[in-house]
Amino acid sequence: MAGGWARDGAVSEQIEASVNDELARMQARRGQQGESLTHCAECEEPIPEARRTAIPGVKLCIDCMQDRDGQRQQRGGINRRGSKDSQLK
């Protein structure tokens, strides 16, 4: 059951589209791995063999990766819902 101006099933379609977008983004990122580096791309510290084996295509040491994970990343998202004002025009 959809509410307002949306047709039936619109909410499910929006959720499914968001999930599919995220899966596509993750799969594209996965395909860009390549070979693991022996030294960190940012700080030039050696990357342990165990980390290179466990994570194919690793480019950063653990410390640099933790720093990067702590930073908020901007994504170019799409507001699929729109505002009610734009729907009333």
Protein backbone atom coordinates (compact mmCIF):
# COMPACT_ATOMS: atom_id res chain seq x y z
CA MET A 1 0.00 0.00 0.00
CA ALA A 2 1.47 3.31 -1.08
CA GLY A 3 0.56 6.59 0.50
CA GLY A 4 0.11 10.05 -0.89
CA TRP A 5 0.93 10.50 -4.55
CA ALA A 6 2.97 7.30 -4.90
CA ARG A 7 1.58 4.27 -6.68
CA ASP A 8 1.36 0.84 -5.05
CA GLY A 9 4.77 -0.80 -4.62
CA ALA A 10 6.70 2.45 -5.09
CA VAL A 11 8.33 2.26 -1.66
CA SER A 12 9.52 -1.30 -2.28
CA GLU A 13 10.90 -0.27 -5.66
CA GLN A 14 12.81 2.62 -4.05
CA ILE A 15 14.33 0.33 -1.44
CA GLU A 16 15.26 -2.26 -4.06
CA ALA A 17 16.83 0.40 -6.29
CA SER A 18 18.91 1.73 -3.39
CA VAL A 19 20.15 -1.76 -2.53
CA ASN A 20 20.99 -2.49 -6.17
CA ASP A 21 22.89 0.81 -6.48
CA GLU A 22 24.98 0.00 -3.40
CA LEU A 23 25.70 -3.55 -4.64
CA ALA A 24 26.81 -2.21 -8.03
CA ARG A 25 29.10 0.33 -6.32
CA MET A 26 30.66 -2.37 -4.15
CA GLN A 27 31.15 -4.76 -7.08
CA ALA A 28 32.80 -2.04 -9.16
CA ARG A 29 35.15 -1.24 -6.30
CA ARG A 30 35.94 -4.94 -5.85
CA GLY A 31 36.98 -5.26 -9.50
CA GLN A 32 39.57 -2.49 -9.17
CA GLN A 33 41.73 -4.30 -6.63
CA GLY A 34 44.71 -5.42 -8.69
CA GLU A 35 47.83 -6.60 -6.89
CA SER A 36 48.66 -5.84 -3.28
CA LEU A 37 51.41 -3.34 -2.61
CA THR A 38 54.38 -4.27 -0.43
CA HIS A 39 54.49 -0.77 1.10
CA CYS A 40 51.65 1.56 2.11
CA ALA A 41 50.59 4.03 -0.60
CA GLU A 42 50.26 6.83 1.97
CA CYS A 43 52.96 6.41 4.64
CA GLU A 44 55.37 4.01 2.83
CA GLU A 45 55.50 1.61 5.81
CA PRO A 46 55.79 -2.10 4.89
CA ILE A 47 52.49 -3.98 4.66
CA PRO A 48 52.77 -7.36 6.43
CA GLU A 49 52.57 -10.47 4.24
CA ALA A 50 49.61 -11.79 6.27
CA ARG A 51 47.58 -8.65 5.45
CA ARG A 52 48.45 -8.86 1.74
CA THR A 53 47.37 -12.50 1.69
CA ALA A 54 44.15 -11.91 3.64
CA ILE A 55 43.06 -8.88 1.59
CA PRO A 56 43.94 -9.15 -2.11
CA GLY A 57 44.65 -5.76 -3.65
CA VAL A 58 45.45 -4.02 -0.36
CA LYS A 59 47.11 -0.62 -0.82
CA LEU A 60 47.21 0.78 2.75
CA CYS A 61 48.69 -0.33 6.06
CA ILE A 62 46.36 -0.96 9.00
CA ASP A 63 46.96 2.47 10.59
CA CYS A 64 46.27 4.42 7.39
CA MET A 65 43.19 2.29 6.66
CA GLN A 66 41.80 2.96 10.14
CA ASP A 67 42.37 6.69 9.64
CA ARG A 68 40.57 6.57 6.29
CA ASP A 69 37.69 4.52 7.72
CA GLY A 70 37.23 7.12 10.43
CA GLN A 71 36.67 9.87 7.87
CA ARG A 72 33.20 10.48 6.53
CA GLN A 73 32.91 9.87 2.79
CA GLN A 74 30.59 11.87 0.58
CA ARG A 75 28.43 9.93 -1.84
CA GLY A 76 26.50 11.35 -4.73
CA GLY A 77 23.14 10.02 -3.64
CA ILE A 78 19.83 10.57 -5.29
CA ASN A 79 16.81 11.67 -3.33
CA ARG A 80 14.35 9.18 -4.72
CA ARG A 81 11.49 10.38 -2.54
CA GLY A 82 11.44 14.01 -3.57
CA SER A 83 9.74 16.61 -1.45
CA LYS A 84 6.00 16.88 -1.07
CA ASP A 85 6.18 20.45 -2.33
CA SER A 86 7.65 19.30 -5.64
CA GLN A 87 4.90 16.69 -5.99
CA LEU A 88 2.13 19.24 -5.46
CA LYS A 89 3.25 21.53 -8.32
